[in-house]
Amino acid sequence: MGEELGNTASGFAALAEGLNTTASGAAAHAKGFATLASGDSSHAEGSNTVASASASMRRDILHRQRMIRLMRKALPQRPAAWLRMLKDI
């Protein structure tokens, strides 16, 4: 009977260790998902930064094109105005 109780106690200890390992594994799994979500968030933030930079570059290009068109119109008629616009670019 003492041996059976010893085996039962040993079985419970092994079960408790297994449950502890399972809980530890679940915590590590949750941490992995949190890291993955954080990575997705960082990726989305990076995409927004790229989109913002692209929009800024597009506005800059459109502004420069507009200034060039204005300079081409002003060149034959008013050279002084053309030179002032040239300074702005």
PDB file of N, CA and C in Angstrom:
ATOM      1  N   MET A   1       0.813  -1.184   0.000  1.00  0.00           N
ATOM      2  CA  MET A   1       0.000   0.000   0.000  1.00  0.00           C
ATOM      3  C   MET A   1       0.858   1.250   0.000  1.00  0.00           C
ATOM      4  N   GLY A   2       1.951   1.207   0.749  1.00  0.00           N
ATOM      5  CA  GLY A   2       2.850   2.345   0.760  1.00  0.00           C
ATOM      6  C   GLY A   2       3.441   2.595  -0.613  1.00  0.00           C
ATOM      7  N   GLU A   3       3.721   1.494  -1.336  1.00  0.00           N
ATOM      8  CA  GLU A   3       4.275   1.633  -2.684  1.00  0.00           C
ATOM      9  C   GLU A   3       3.238   2.244  -3.630  1.00  0.00           C
ATOM     10  N   GLU A   4       1.975   1.825  -3.473  1.00  0.00           N
ATOM     11  CA  GLU A   4       0.915   2.379  -4.314  1.00  0.00           C
ATOM     12  C   GLU A   4       0.733   3.876  -4.046  1.00  0.00           C
ATOM     13  N   LEU A   5       0.773   4.240  -2.774  1.00  0.00           N
ATOM     14  CA  LEU A   5       0.661   5.665  -2.434  1.00  0.00           C
ATOM     15  C   LEU A   5       1.854   6.449  -2.986  1.00  0.00           C
ATOM     16  N   GLY A   6       3.025   5.841  -2.920  1.00  0.00           N
ATOM     17  CA  GLY A   6       4.214   6.471  -3.479  1.00  0.00           C
ATOM     18  C   GLY A   6       4.082   6.660  -4.973  1.00  0.00           C
ATOM     19  N   ASN A   7       3.569   5.625  -5.655  1.00  0.00           N
ATOM     20  CA  ASN A   7       3.358   5.723  -7.102  1.00  0.00           C
ATOM     21  C   ASN A   7       2.288   6.766  -7.431  1.00  0.00           C
ATOM     22  N   THR A   8       1.224   6.794  -6.597  1.00  0.00           N
ATOM     23  CA  THR A   8       0.157   7.771  -6.818  1.00  0.00           C
ATOM     24  C   THR A   8       0.700   9.193  -6.625  1.00  0.00           C
ATOM     25  N   ALA A   9       1.487   9.355  -5.549  1.00  0.00           N
ATOM     26  CA  ALA A   9       2.080  10.674  -5.303  1.00  0.00           C
ATOM     27  C   ALA A   9       3.014  11.058  -6.428  1.00  0.00           C
ATOM     28  N   SER A  10       3.781  10.072  -6.878  1.00  0.00           N
ATOM     29  CA  SER A  10       4.685  10.336  -8.000  1.00  0.00           C
ATOM     30  C   SER A  10       3.898  10.681  -9.258  1.00  0.00           C
ATOM     31  N   GLY A  11       2.780  10.003  -9.464  1.00  0.00           N
ATOM     32  CA  GLY A  11       1.909  10.284 -10.619  1.00  0.00           C
ATOM     33  C   GLY A  11       1.337  11.687 -10.543  1.00  0.00           C
ATOM     34  N   PHE A  12       0.904  12.076  -9.318  1.00  0.00           N
ATOM     35  CA  PHE A  12       0.369  13.434  -9.158  1.00  0.00           C
ATOM     36  C   PHE A  12       1.456  14.490  -9.382  1.00  0.00           C
ATOM     37  N   ALA A  13       2.675  14.171  -8.920  1.00  0.00           N
ATOM     38  CA  ALA A  13       3.771  15.116  -9.131  1.00  0.00           C
ATOM     39  C   ALA A  13       4.059  15.260 -10.627  1.00  0.00           C
ATOM     40  N   ALA A  14       4.048  14.125 -11.329  1.00  0.00           N
ATOM     41  CA  ALA A  14       4.283  14.180 -12.778  1.00  0.00           C
ATOM     42  C   ALA A  14       3.154  14.937 -13.479  1.00  0.00           C
ATOM     43  N   LEU A  15       1.894  14.703 -13.007  1.00  0.00           N
ATOM     44  CA  LEU A  15       0.755  15.416 -13.586  1.00  0.00           C
ATOM     45  C   LEU A  15       0.874  16.918 -13.341  1.00  0.00           C
ATOM     46  N   ALA A  16       1.237  17.285 -12.102  1.00  0.00           N
ATOM     47  CA  ALA A  16       1.393  18.705 -11.783  1.00  0.00           C
ATOM     48  C   ALA A  16       2.503  19.323 -12.630  1.00  0.00           C
ATOM     49  N   GLU A  17       3.593  18.593 -12.819  1.00  0.00           N
ATOM     50  CA  GLU A  17       4.694  19.102 -13.651  1.00  0.00           C
ATOM     51  C   GLU A  17       4.246  19.251 -15.103  1.00  0.00           C
ATOM     52  N   GLY A  18       3.463  18.282 -15.571  1.00  0.00           N
ATOM     53  CA  GLY A  18       2.931  18.363 -16.938  1.00  0.00           C
ATOM     54  C   GLY A  18       2.009  19.551 -17.114  1.00  0.00           C
ATOM     55  N   LEU A  19       1.145  19.792 -16.111  1.00  0.00           N
ATOM     56  CA  LEU A  19       0.239  20.943 -16.181  1.00  0.00           C
ATOM     57  C   LEU A  19       1.031  22.250 -16.136  1.00  0.00           C
ATOM     58  N   ASN A  20       2.077  22.277 -15.325  1.00  0.00           N
ATOM     59  CA  ASN A  20       2.920  23.466 -15.235  1.00  0.00           C
ATOM     60  C   ASN A  20       3.595  23.723 -16.585  1.00  0.00           C
ATOM     61  N   THR A  21       4.083  22.648 -17.203  1.00  0.00           N
ATOM     62  CA  THR A  21       4.729  22.771 -18.518  1.00  0.00           C
ATOM     63  C   THR A  21       3.720  23.258 -19.558  1.00  0.00           C
ATOM     64  N   THR A  22       2.486  22.732 -19.484  1.00  0.00           N
ATOM     65  CA  THR A  22       1.441  23.156 -20.420  1.00  0.00           C
ATOM     66  C   THR A  22       1.136  24.640 -20.233  1.00  0.00           C
ATOM     67  N   ALA A  23       1.037  25.061 -18.968  1.00  0.00           N
ATOM     68  CA  ALA A  23       0.767  26.484 -18.696  1.00  0.00           C
ATOM     69  C   ALA A  23       1.920  27.347 -19.197  1.00  0.00           C
ATOM     70  N   SER A  24       3.137  26.859 -18.998  1.00  0.00           N
ATOM     71  CA  SER A  24       4.305  27.602 -19.470  1.00  0.00           C
ATOM     72  C   SER A  24       4.300  27.685 -20.997  1.00  0.00           C
ATOM     73  N   GLY A  25       3.941  26.578 -21.639  1.00  0.00           N
ATOM     74  CA  GLY A  25       3.857  26.561 -23.104  1.00  0.00           C
ATOM     75  C   GLY A  25       2.785  27.509 -23.613  1.00  0.00           C
ATOM     76  N   ALA A  26       1.638  27.530 -22.907  1.00  0.00           N
ATOM     77  CA  ALA A  26       0.551  28.432 -23.307  1.00  0.00           C
ATOM     78  C   ALA A  26       0.988  29.889 -23.153  1.00  0.00           C
ATOM     79  N   ALA A  27       1.725  30.184 -22.082  1.00  0.00           N
ATOM     80  CA  ALA A  27       2.212  31.549 -21.876  1.00  0.00           C
ATOM     81  C   ALA A  27       3.193  31.933 -22.977  1.00  0.00           C
ATOM     82  N   ALA A  28       4.072  30.996 -23.344  1.00  0.00           N
ATOM     83  CA  ALA A  28       5.029  31.272 -24.422  1.00  0.00           C
ATOM     84  C   ALA A  28       4.303  31.454 -25.746  1.00  0.00           C
ATOM     85  N   HIS A  29       3.251  30.658 -25.957  1.00  0.00           N
ATOM     86  CA  HIS A  29       2.460  30.766 -27.184  1.00  0.00           C
ATOM     87  C   HIS A  29       1.779  32.137 -27.251  1.00  0.00           C
ATOM     88  N   ALA A  30       1.199  32.558 -26.124  1.00  0.00           N
ATOM     89  CA  ALA A  30       0.548  33.881 -26.072  1.00  0.00           C
ATOM     90  C   ALA A  30       1.563  34.989 -26.306  1.00  0.00           C
ATOM     91  N   LYS A  31       2.752  34.835 -25.731  1.00  0.00           N
ATOM     92  CA  LYS A  31       3.805  35.824 -25.931  1.00  0.00           C
ATOM     93  C   LYS A  31       4.205  35.888 -27.408  1.00  0.00           C
ATOM     94  N   GLY A  32       4.246  34.724 -28.053  1.00  0.00           N
ATOM     95  CA  GLY A  32       4.548  34.686 -29.485  1.00  0.00           C
ATOM     96  C   GLY A  32       3.505  35.430 -30.296  1.00  0.00           C
ATOM     97  N   PHE A  33       2.218  35.243 -29.935  1.00  0.00           N
ATOM     98  CA  PHE A  33       1.162  35.962 -30.648  1.00  0.00           C
ATOM     99  C   PHE A  33       1.259  37.458 -30.400  1.00  0.00           C
ATOM    100  N   ALA A  34       1.601  37.839 -29.163  1.00  0.00           N
ATOM    101  CA  ALA A  34       1.757  39.269 -28.862  1.00  0.00           C
ATOM    102  C   ALA A  34       2.899  39.855 -29.684  1.00  0.00           C
ATOM    103  N   THR A  35       3.984  39.085 -29.821  1.00  0.00           N
ATOM    104  CA  THR A  35       5.118  39.551 -30.627  1.00  0.00           C
ATOM    105  C   THR A  35       4.716  39.670 -32.091  1.00  0.00           C
ATOM    106  N   LEU A  36       3.949  38.695 -32.570  1.00  0.00           N
ATOM    107  CA  LEU A  36       3.478  38.722 -33.956  1.00  0.00           C
ATOM    108  C   LEU A  36       2.578  39.935 -34.189  1.00  0.00           C
ATOM    109  N   ALA A  37       1.663  40.201 -33.250  1.00  0.00           N
ATOM    110  CA  ALA A  37       0.784  41.370 -33.375  1.00  0.00           C
ATOM    111  C   ALA A  37       1.599  42.653 -33.364  1.00  0.00           C
ATOM    112  N   SER A  38       2.628  42.691 -32.518  1.00  0.00           N
ATOM    113  CA  SER A  38       3.493  43.866 -32.466  1.00  0.00           C
ATOM    114  C   SER A  38       4.218  44.052 -33.793  1.00  0.00           C
ATOM    115  N   GLY A  39       4.664  42.942 -34.366  1.00  0.00           N
ATOM    116  CA  GLY A  39       5.329  43.022 -35.673  1.00  0.00           C
ATOM    117  C   GLY A  39       4.394  43.519 -36.753  1.00  0.00           C
ATOM    118  N   ASP A  40       3.142  43.045 -36.729  1.00  0.00           N
ATOM    119  CA  ASP A  40       2.153  43.515 -37.699  1.00  0.00           C
ATOM    120  C   ASP A  40       1.897  45.005 -37.523  1.00  0.00           C
ATOM    121  N   SER A  41       1.836  45.441 -36.277  1.00  0.00           N
ATOM    122  CA  SER A  41       1.628  46.861 -35.992  1.00  0.00           C
ATOM    123  C   SER A  41       2.802  47.683 -36.521  1.00  0.00           C
ATOM    124  N   SER A  42       4.017  47.192 -36.286  1.00  0.00           N
ATOM    125  CA  SER A  42       5.203  47.903 -36.773  1.00  0.00           C
ATOM    126  C   SER A  42       5.211  47.939 -38.293  1.00  0.00           C
ATOM    127  N   HIS A  43       4.788  46.833 -38.909  1.00  0.00           N
ATOM    128  CA  HIS A  43       4.750  46.770 -40.370  1.00  0.00           C
ATOM    129  C   HIS A  43       3.736  47.782 -40.916  1.00  0.00           C
ATOM    130  N   ALA A  44       2.571  47.844 -40.270  1.00  0.00           N
ATOM    131  CA  ALA A  44       1.552  48.803 -40.699  1.00  0.00           C
ATOM    132  C   ALA A  44       2.048  50.233 -40.520  1.00  0.00           C
ATOM    133  N   GLU A  45       2.738  50.484 -39.410  1.00  0.00           N
ATOM    134  CA  GLU A  45       3.279  51.829 -39.164  1.00  0.00           C
ATOM    135  C   GLU A  45       4.316  52.180 -40.227  1.00  0.00           C
ATOM    136  N   GLY A  46       5.154  51.214 -40.578  1.00  0.00           N
ATOM    137  CA  GLY A  46       6.145  51.446 -41.629  1.00  0.00           C
ATOM    138  C   GLY A  46       5.486  51.718 -42.967  1.00  0.00           C
ATOM    139  N   SER A  47       4.408  50.983 -43.265  1.00  0.00           N
ATOM    140  CA  SER A  47       3.678  51.201 -44.515  1.00  0.00           C
ATOM    141  C   SER A  47       3.080  52.596 -44.548  1.00  0.00           C
ATOM    142  N   ASN A  48       2.542  53.041 -43.408  1.00  0.00           N
ATOM    143  CA  ASN A  48       1.985  54.400 -43.340  1.00  0.00           C
ATOM    144  C   ASN A  48       3.072  55.440 -43.564  1.00  0.00           C
ATOM    145  N   THR A  49       4.258  55.198 -43.012  1.00  0.00           N
ATOM    146  CA  THR A  49       5.369  56.136 -43.191  1.00  0.00           C
ATOM    147  C   THR A  49       5.761  56.209 -44.653  1.00  0.00           C
ATOM    148  N   VAL A  50       5.833  55.054 -45.322  1.00  0.00           N
ATOM    149  CA  VAL A  50       6.175  55.026 -46.745  1.00  0.00           C
ATOM    150  C   VAL A  50       5.112  55.756 -47.549  1.00  0.00           C
ATOM    151  N   ALA A  51       3.839  55.500 -47.231  1.00  0.00           N
ATOM    152  CA  ALA A  51       2.753  56.169 -47.951  1.00  0.00           C
ATOM    153  C   ALA A  51       2.825  57.676 -47.739  1.00  0.00           C
ATOM    154  N   SER A  52       3.127  58.092 -46.520  1.00  0.00           N
ATOM    155  CA  SER A  52       3.238  59.514 -46.221  1.00  0.00           C
ATOM    156  C   SER A  52       4.402  60.139 -46.992  1.00  0.00           C
ATOM    157  N   ALA A  53       5.531  59.428 -47.035  1.00  0.00           N
ATOM    158  CA  ALA A  53       6.689  59.941 -47.775  1.00  0.00           C
ATOM    159  C   ALA A  53       6.379  60.005 -49.264  1.00  0.00           C
ATOM    160  N   SER A  54       5.666  58.999 -49.772  1.00  0.00           N
ATOM    161  CA  SER A  54       5.303  58.998 -51.191  1.00  0.00           C
ATOM    162  C   SER A  54       4.384  60.167 -51.512  1.00  0.00           C
ATOM    163  N   ALA A  55       3.424  60.422 -50.630  1.00  0.00           N
ATOM    164  CA  ALA A  55       2.509  61.548 -50.850  1.00  0.00           C
ATOM    165  C   ALA A  55       3.273  62.866 -50.810  1.00  0.00           C
ATOM    166  N   SER A  56       4.201  62.983 -49.883  1.00  0.00           N
ATOM    167  CA  SER A  56       5.002  64.197 -49.776  1.00  0.00           C
ATOM    168  C   SER A  56       5.855  64.395 -51.036  1.00  0.00           C
ATOM    169  N   MET A  57       6.461  63.315 -51.522  1.00  0.00           N
ATOM    170  CA  MET A  57       7.267  63.417 -52.742  1.00  0.00           C
ATOM    171  C   MET A  57       6.393  63.796 -53.927  1.00  0.00           C
ATOM    172  N   ARG A  58       5.193  63.224 -53.989  1.00  0.00           N
ATOM    173  CA  ARG A  58       4.283  63.529 -55.099  1.00  0.00           C
ATOM    174  C   ARG A  58       3.894  65.015 -55.067  1.00  0.00           C
ATOM    175  N   ARG A  59       3.590  65.534 -53.870  1.00  0.00           N
ATOM    176  CA  ARG A  59       3.255  66.966 -53.769  1.00  0.00           C
ATOM    177  C   ARG A  59       4.429  67.827 -54.206  1.00  0.00           C
ATOM    178  N   ASP A  60       5.638  67.423 -53.799  1.00  0.00           N
ATOM    179  CA  ASP A  60       6.828  68.182 -54.171  1.00  0.00           C
ATOM    180  C   ASP A  60       7.031  68.168 -55.684  1.00  0.00           C
ATOM    181  N   ILE A  61       6.861  67.014 -56.294  1.00  0.00           N
ATOM    182  CA  ILE A  61       7.023  66.905 -57.756  1.00  0.00           C
ATOM    183  C   ILE A  61       5.973  67.754 -58.464  1.00  0.00           C
ATOM    184  N   LEU A  62       4.721  67.668 -58.002  1.00  0.00           N
ATOM    185  CA  LEU A  62       3.663  68.473 -58.629  1.00  0.00           C
ATOM    186  C   LEU A  62       3.935  69.963 -58.477  1.00  0.00           C
ATOM    187  N   HIS A  63       4.447  70.369 -57.314  1.00  0.00           N
ATOM    188  CA  HIS A  63       4.785  71.774 -57.104  1.00  0.00           C
ATOM    189  C   HIS A  63       5.881  72.215 -58.070  1.00  0.00           C
ATOM    190  N   ARG A  64       6.896  71.405 -58.207  1.00  0.00           N
ATOM    191  CA  ARG A  64       7.993  71.755 -59.121  1.00  0.00           C
ATOM    192  C   ARG A  64       7.508  71.826 -60.569  1.00  0.00           C
ATOM    193  N   GLN A  65       6.653  70.884 -60.964  1.00  0.00           N
ATOM    194  CA  GLN A  65       6.117  70.918 -62.326  1.00  0.00           C
ATOM    195  C   GLN A  65       5.289  72.182 -62.559  1.00  0.00           C
ATOM    196  N   ARG A  66       4.509  72.539 -61.554  1.00  0.00           N
ATOM    197  CA  ARG A  66       3.703  73.758 -61.673  1.00  0.00           C
ATOM    198  C   ARG A  66       4.594  74.990 -61.802  1.00  0.00           C
ATOM    199  N   MET A  67       5.661  75.037 -60.999  1.00  0.00           N
ATOM    200  CA  MET A  67       6.581  76.172 -61.069  1.00  0.00           C
ATOM    201  C   MET A  67       7.267  76.231 -62.439  1.00  0.00           C
ATOM    202  N   ILE A  68       7.632  75.102 -62.973  1.00  0.00           N
ATOM    203  CA  ILE A  68       8.281  75.080 -64.297  1.00  0.00           C
ATOM    204  C   ILE A  68       7.313  75.585 -65.357  1.00  0.00           C
ATOM    205  N   ARG A  69       6.026  75.156 -65.282  1.00  0.00           N
ATOM    206  CA  ARG A  69       5.035  75.652 -66.248  1.00  0.00           C
ATOM    207  C   ARG A  69       4.870  77.164 -66.131  1.00  0.00           C
ATOM    208  N   LEU A  70       4.818  77.646 -64.892  1.00  0.00           N
ATOM    209  CA  LEU A  70       4.694  79.089 -64.694  1.00  0.00           C
ATOM    210  C   LEU A  70       5.905  79.832 -65.246  1.00  0.00           C
ATOM    211  N   MET A  71       7.089  79.284 -65.036  1.00  0.00           N
ATOM    212  CA  MET A  71       8.302  79.930 -65.548  1.00  0.00           C
ATOM    213  C   MET A  71       8.303  79.956 -67.077  1.00  0.00           C
ATOM    214  N   ARG A  72       7.848  78.873 -67.670  1.00  0.00           N
ATOM    215  CA  ARG A  72       7.815  78.838 -69.143  1.00  0.00           C
ATOM    216  C   ARG A  72       6.856  79.885 -69.695  1.00  0.00           C
ATOM    217  N   LYS A  73       5.744  80.088 -68.991  1.00  0.00           N
ATOM    218  CA  LYS A  73       4.797  81.115 -69.426  1.00  0.00           C
ATOM    219  C   LYS A  73       5.379  82.511 -69.236  1.00  0.00           C
ATOM    220  N   ALA A  74       6.074  82.731 -68.123  1.00  0.00           N
ATOM    221  CA  ALA A  74       6.569  84.062 -67.786  1.00  0.00           C
ATOM    222  C   ALA A  74       7.861  84.416 -68.515  1.00  0.00           C
ATOM    223  N   LEU A  75       8.599  83.445 -68.978  1.00  0.00           N
ATOM    224  CA  LEU A  75       9.922  83.695 -69.558  1.00  0.00           C
ATOM    225  C   LEU A  75       9.913  84.711 -70.703  1.00  0.00           C
ATOM    226  N   PRO A  76       9.136  84.522 -71.732  1.00  0.00           N
ATOM    227  CA  PRO A  76       9.229  85.488 -72.835  1.00  0.00           C
ATOM    228  C   PRO A  76       8.714  86.877 -72.468  1.00  0.00           C
ATOM    229  N   GLN A  77       7.764  86.963 -71.547  1.00  0.00           N
ATOM    230  CA  GLN A  77       7.154  88.242 -71.264  1.00  0.00           C
ATOM    231  C   GLN A  77       7.862  89.017 -70.153  1.00  0.00           C
ATOM    232  N   ARG A  78       8.220  88.339 -69.052  1.00  0.00           N
ATOM    233  CA  ARG A  78       8.778  89.039 -67.894  1.00  0.00           C
ATOM    234  C   ARG A  78      10.001  88.298 -67.349  1.00  0.00           C
ATOM    235  N   PRO A  79      11.182  88.590 -67.816  1.00  0.00           N
ATOM    236  CA  PRO A  79      12.367  87.886 -67.317  1.00  0.00           C
ATOM    237  C   PRO A  79      12.606  88.083 -65.820  1.00  0.00           C
ATOM    238  N   ALA A  80      12.263  89.256 -65.261  1.00  0.00           N
ATOM    239  CA  ALA A  80      12.481  89.482 -63.829  1.00  0.00           C
ATOM    240  C   ALA A  80      11.596  88.544 -62.998  1.00  0.00           C
ATOM    241  N   ALA A  81      10.358  88.369 -63.419  1.00  0.00           N
ATOM    242  CA  ALA A  81       9.457  87.463 -62.705  1.00  0.00           C
ATOM    243  C   ALA A  81       9.971  86.030 -62.818  1.00  0.00           C
ATOM    244  N   TRP A  82      10.490  85.684 -63.964  1.00  0.00           N
ATOM    245  CA  TRP A  82      11.049  84.338 -64.165  1.00  0.00           C
ATOM    246  C   TRP A  82      12.219  84.101 -63.206  1.00  0.00           C
ATOM    247  N   LEU A  83      13.067  85.092 -63.055  1.00  0.00           N
ATOM    248  CA  LEU A  83      14.210  84.939 -62.152  1.00  0.00           C
ATOM    249  C   LEU A  83      13.761  84.811 -60.692  1.00  0.00           C
ATOM    250  N   ARG A  84      12.719  85.556 -60.304  1.00  0.00           N
ATOM    251  CA  ARG A  84      12.190  85.427 -58.937  1.00  0.00           C
ATOM    252  C   ARG A  84      11.642  84.027 -58.694  1.00  0.00           C
ATOM    253  N   MET A  85      10.916  83.471 -59.654  1.00  0.00           N
ATOM    254  CA  MET A  85      10.379  82.126 -59.511  1.00  0.00           C
ATOM    255  C   MET A  85      11.497  81.090 -59.471  1.00  0.00           C
ATOM    256  N   LEU A  86      12.539  81.352 -60.198  1.00  0.00           N
ATOM    257  CA  LEU A  86      13.661  80.423 -60.222  1.00  0.00           C
ATOM    258  C   LEU A  86      14.304  80.314 -58.839  1.00  0.00           C
ATOM    259  N   LYS A  87      14.325  81.422 -58.102  1.00  0.00           N
ATOM    260  CA  LYS A  87      14.876  81.401 -56.741  1.00  0.00           C
ATOM    261  C   LYS A  87      14.039  80.532 -55.811  1.00  0.00           C
ATOM    262  N   ASP A  88      12.724  80.477 -56.029  1.00  0.00           N
ATOM    263  CA  ASP A  88      11.824  79.718 -55.156  1.00  0.00           C
ATOM    264  C   ASP A  88      12.001  78.208 -55.279  1.00  0.00           C
ATOM    265  N   ILE A  89      12.531  77.749 -56.352  1.00  0.00           N
ATOM    266  CA  ILE A  89      12.643  76.291 -56.568  1.00  0.00           C
ATOM    267  C   ILE A  89      13.818  75.714 -55.827  1.00  0.00           C
TER     268      ILE A  89
END
